[in-house]
Amino acid sequence: MKENLQPQFLRIRWEVTTEQGAAVMLETMACLRHRREIALAYPSARGVGGRGDVCDLCEGRHPRPLGSELPSSHRSQLGSPDGSLARPAALGAPR
């Protein structure tokens, strides 16, 4: 018998390089679709433990630089470290 599975939202991290050449680690809570997109675009993508109730990217929140502990309401105002929008497509992830 097939169980009615709920979507899983897992915390992941990956490294990006800014236009200035600095390496920055980004982190987000992501659904399976967004985890796949990020993993395909960034070989450094890894699960870091932690489950959530929603996908930050589906909700319109941007990945945040590692170590920045902002309340969720402020996360949506973040862009990537180089000032551009930090959505998977903007980060180079395939659509």
C-alpha atoms as a PDB file:
ATOM      1  CA  MET A   1       0.000   0.000   0.000  1.00  0.00           C
ATOM      2  CA  LYS A   2       1.325   3.412  -0.960  1.00  0.00           C
ATOM      3  CA  GLU A   3       1.528   5.953   1.855  1.00  0.00           C
ATOM      4  CA  ASN A   4       0.417   9.519   1.321  1.00  0.00           C
ATOM      5  CA  LEU A   5       3.854  11.161   1.487  1.00  0.00           C
ATOM      6  CA  GLN A   6       4.213  14.808   2.413  1.00  0.00           C
ATOM      7  CA  PRO A   7       6.798  16.980   0.623  1.00  0.00           C
ATOM      8  CA  GLN A   8      10.108  17.215   2.432  1.00  0.00           C
ATOM      9  CA  PHE A   9      11.867  20.523   2.858  1.00  0.00           C
ATOM     10  CA  LEU A  10      15.536  20.186   3.763  1.00  0.00           C
ATOM     11  CA  ARG A  11      18.261  22.726   4.586  1.00  0.00           C
ATOM     12  CA  ILE A  12      21.087  22.855   2.022  1.00  0.00           C
ATOM     13  CA  ARG A  13      24.295  24.848   1.497  1.00  0.00           C
ATOM     14  CA  TRP A  14      26.411  25.569  -1.546  1.00  0.00           C
ATOM     15  CA  GLU A  15      29.277  27.825  -2.504  1.00  0.00           C
ATOM     16  CA  VAL A  16      29.063  30.626  -5.060  1.00  0.00           C
ATOM     17  CA  THR A  17      31.747  32.960  -6.335  1.00  0.00           C
ATOM     18  CA  THR A  18      30.899  36.660  -6.481  1.00  0.00           C
ATOM     19  CA  GLU A  19      31.832  38.860  -9.429  1.00  0.00           C
ATOM     20  CA  GLN A  20      34.722  40.093  -7.271  1.00  0.00           C
ATOM     21  CA  GLY A  21      36.007  36.514  -6.960  1.00  0.00           C
ATOM     22  CA  ALA A  22      35.114  35.955  -3.299  1.00  0.00           C
ATOM     23  CA  ALA A  23      33.703  32.558  -2.317  1.00  0.00           C
ATOM     24  CA  VAL A  24      30.474  32.773  -0.298  1.00  0.00           C
ATOM     25  CA  MET A  25      28.505  29.897   1.217  1.00  0.00           C
ATOM     26  CA  LEU A  26      24.726  30.241   0.749  1.00  0.00           C
ATOM     27  CA  GLU A  27      22.059  28.359   2.696  1.00  0.00           C
ATOM     28  CA  THR A  28      18.320  27.832   2.297  1.00  0.00           C
ATOM     29  CA  MET A  29      15.442  25.496   3.135  1.00  0.00           C
ATOM     30  CA  ALA A  30      14.412  23.875  -0.151  1.00  0.00           C
ATOM     31  CA  CYS A  31      11.883  21.523  -1.714  1.00  0.00           C
ATOM     32  CA  LEU A  32      12.983  18.608  -3.883  1.00  0.00           C
ATOM     33  CA  ARG A  33      12.652  20.605  -7.130  1.00  0.00           C
ATOM     34  CA  HIS A  34      14.840  23.451  -5.876  1.00  0.00           C
ATOM     35  CA  ARG A  35      17.362  21.066  -4.290  1.00  0.00           C
ATOM     36  CA  ARG A  36      17.737  19.357  -7.680  1.00  0.00           C
ATOM     37  CA  GLU A  37      18.170  22.677  -9.522  1.00  0.00           C
ATOM     38  CA  ILE A  38      20.828  23.871  -7.096  1.00  0.00           C
ATOM     39  CA  ALA A  39      22.627  20.505  -7.041  1.00  0.00           C
ATOM     40  CA  LEU A  40      22.819  20.483 -10.851  1.00  0.00           C
ATOM     41  CA  ALA A  41      24.228  24.010 -10.941  1.00  0.00           C
ATOM     42  CA  TYR A  42      26.583  23.766  -7.943  1.00  0.00           C
ATOM     43  CA  PRO A  43      28.622  20.618  -7.237  1.00  0.00           C
ATOM     44  CA  SER A  44      29.329  21.990  -3.736  1.00  0.00           C
ATOM     45  CA  ALA A  45      25.620  21.689  -2.765  1.00  0.00           C
ATOM     46  CA  ARG A  46      25.129  19.557   0.338  1.00  0.00           C
ATOM     47  CA  GLY A  47      22.385  18.790   2.801  1.00  0.00           C
ATOM     48  CA  VAL A  48      23.228  20.181   6.223  1.00  0.00           C
ATOM     49  CA  GLY A  49      20.506  18.648   8.339  1.00  0.00           C
ATOM     50  CA  GLY A  50      17.328  20.253   9.439  1.00  0.00           C
ATOM     51  CA  ARG A  51      13.823  19.953   8.096  1.00  0.00           C
ATOM     52  CA  GLY A  52      11.296  22.660   7.529  1.00  0.00           C
ATOM     53  CA  ASP A  53       7.672  23.253   6.682  1.00  0.00           C
ATOM     54  CA  VAL A  54       8.107  25.345   3.524  1.00  0.00           C
ATOM     55  CA  CYS A  55      10.611  25.977   0.732  1.00  0.00           C
ATOM     56  CA  ASP A  56      12.250  29.395   1.070  1.00  0.00           C
ATOM     57  CA  LEU A  57      12.609  29.680  -2.707  1.00  0.00           C
ATOM     58  CA  CYS A  58       8.987  28.747  -3.458  1.00  0.00           C
ATOM     59  CA  GLU A  59       7.956  31.359  -0.877  1.00  0.00           C
ATOM     60  CA  GLY A  60      10.065  34.026  -2.634  1.00  0.00           C
ATOM     61  CA  ARG A  61      12.822  34.200  -0.021  1.00  0.00           C
ATOM     62  CA  HIS A  62      16.396  34.303  -1.277  1.00  0.00           C
ATOM     63  CA  PRO A  63      19.234  32.062  -0.105  1.00  0.00           C
ATOM     64  CA  ARG A  64      21.182  33.722   2.675  1.00  0.00           C
ATOM     65  CA  PRO A  65      24.916  33.868   3.255  1.00  0.00           C
ATOM     66  CA  LEU A  66      26.001  31.342   5.871  1.00  0.00           C
ATOM     67  CA  GLY A  67      26.174  32.851   9.332  1.00  0.00           C
ATOM     68  CA  SER A  68      23.604  35.570   8.714  1.00  0.00           C
ATOM     69  CA  GLU A  69      20.857  34.810  11.187  1.00  0.00           C
ATOM     70  CA  LEU A  70      18.068  37.097  10.077  1.00  0.00           C
ATOM     71  CA  PRO A  71      14.437  36.671  11.041  1.00  0.00           C
ATOM     72  CA  SER A  72      12.447  35.036   8.245  1.00  0.00           C
ATOM     73  CA  SER A  73      10.596  38.261   7.492  1.00  0.00           C
ATOM     74  CA  HIS A  74      13.868  39.936   6.516  1.00  0.00           C
ATOM     75  CA  ARG A  75      15.260  37.069   4.457  1.00  0.00           C
ATOM     76  CA  SER A  76      13.114  37.949   1.455  1.00  0.00           C
ATOM     77  CA  GLN A  77      14.965  41.257   1.161  1.00  0.00           C
ATOM     78  CA  LEU A  78      18.341  39.588   0.708  1.00  0.00           C
ATOM     79  CA  GLY A  79      20.053  39.407  -2.618  1.00  0.00           C
ATOM     80  CA  SER A  80      23.181  37.445  -3.390  1.00  0.00           C
ATOM     81  CA  PRO A  81      26.494  38.696  -1.980  1.00  0.00           C
ATOM     82  CA  ASP A  82      27.342  40.417  -5.286  1.00  0.00           C
ATOM     83  CA  GLY A  83      24.124  42.450  -5.166  1.00  0.00           C
ATOM     84  CA  SER A  84      22.189  40.529  -7.813  1.00  0.00           C
ATOM     85  CA  LEU A  85      19.019  38.600  -7.084  1.00  0.00           C
ATOM     86  CA  ALA A  86      19.796  35.238  -5.536  1.00  0.00           C
ATOM     87  CA  ARG A  87      17.121  33.023  -7.057  1.00  0.00           C
ATOM     88  CA  PRO A  88      18.170  29.668  -8.478  1.00  0.00           C
ATOM     89  CA  ALA A  89      17.778  30.873 -12.079  1.00  0.00           C
ATOM     90  CA  ALA A  90      19.787  34.005 -11.282  1.00  0.00           C
ATOM     91  CA  LEU A  91      22.437  31.849  -9.619  1.00  0.00           C
ATOM     92  CA  GLY A  92      22.872  29.857 -12.785  1.00  0.00           C
ATOM     93  CA  ALA A  93      20.607  26.947 -11.994  1.00  0.00           C
ATOM     94  CA  PRO A  94      18.733  25.517 -14.953  1.00  0.00           C
ATOM     95  CA  ARG A  95      14.986  26.068 -15.097  1.00  0.00           C
END
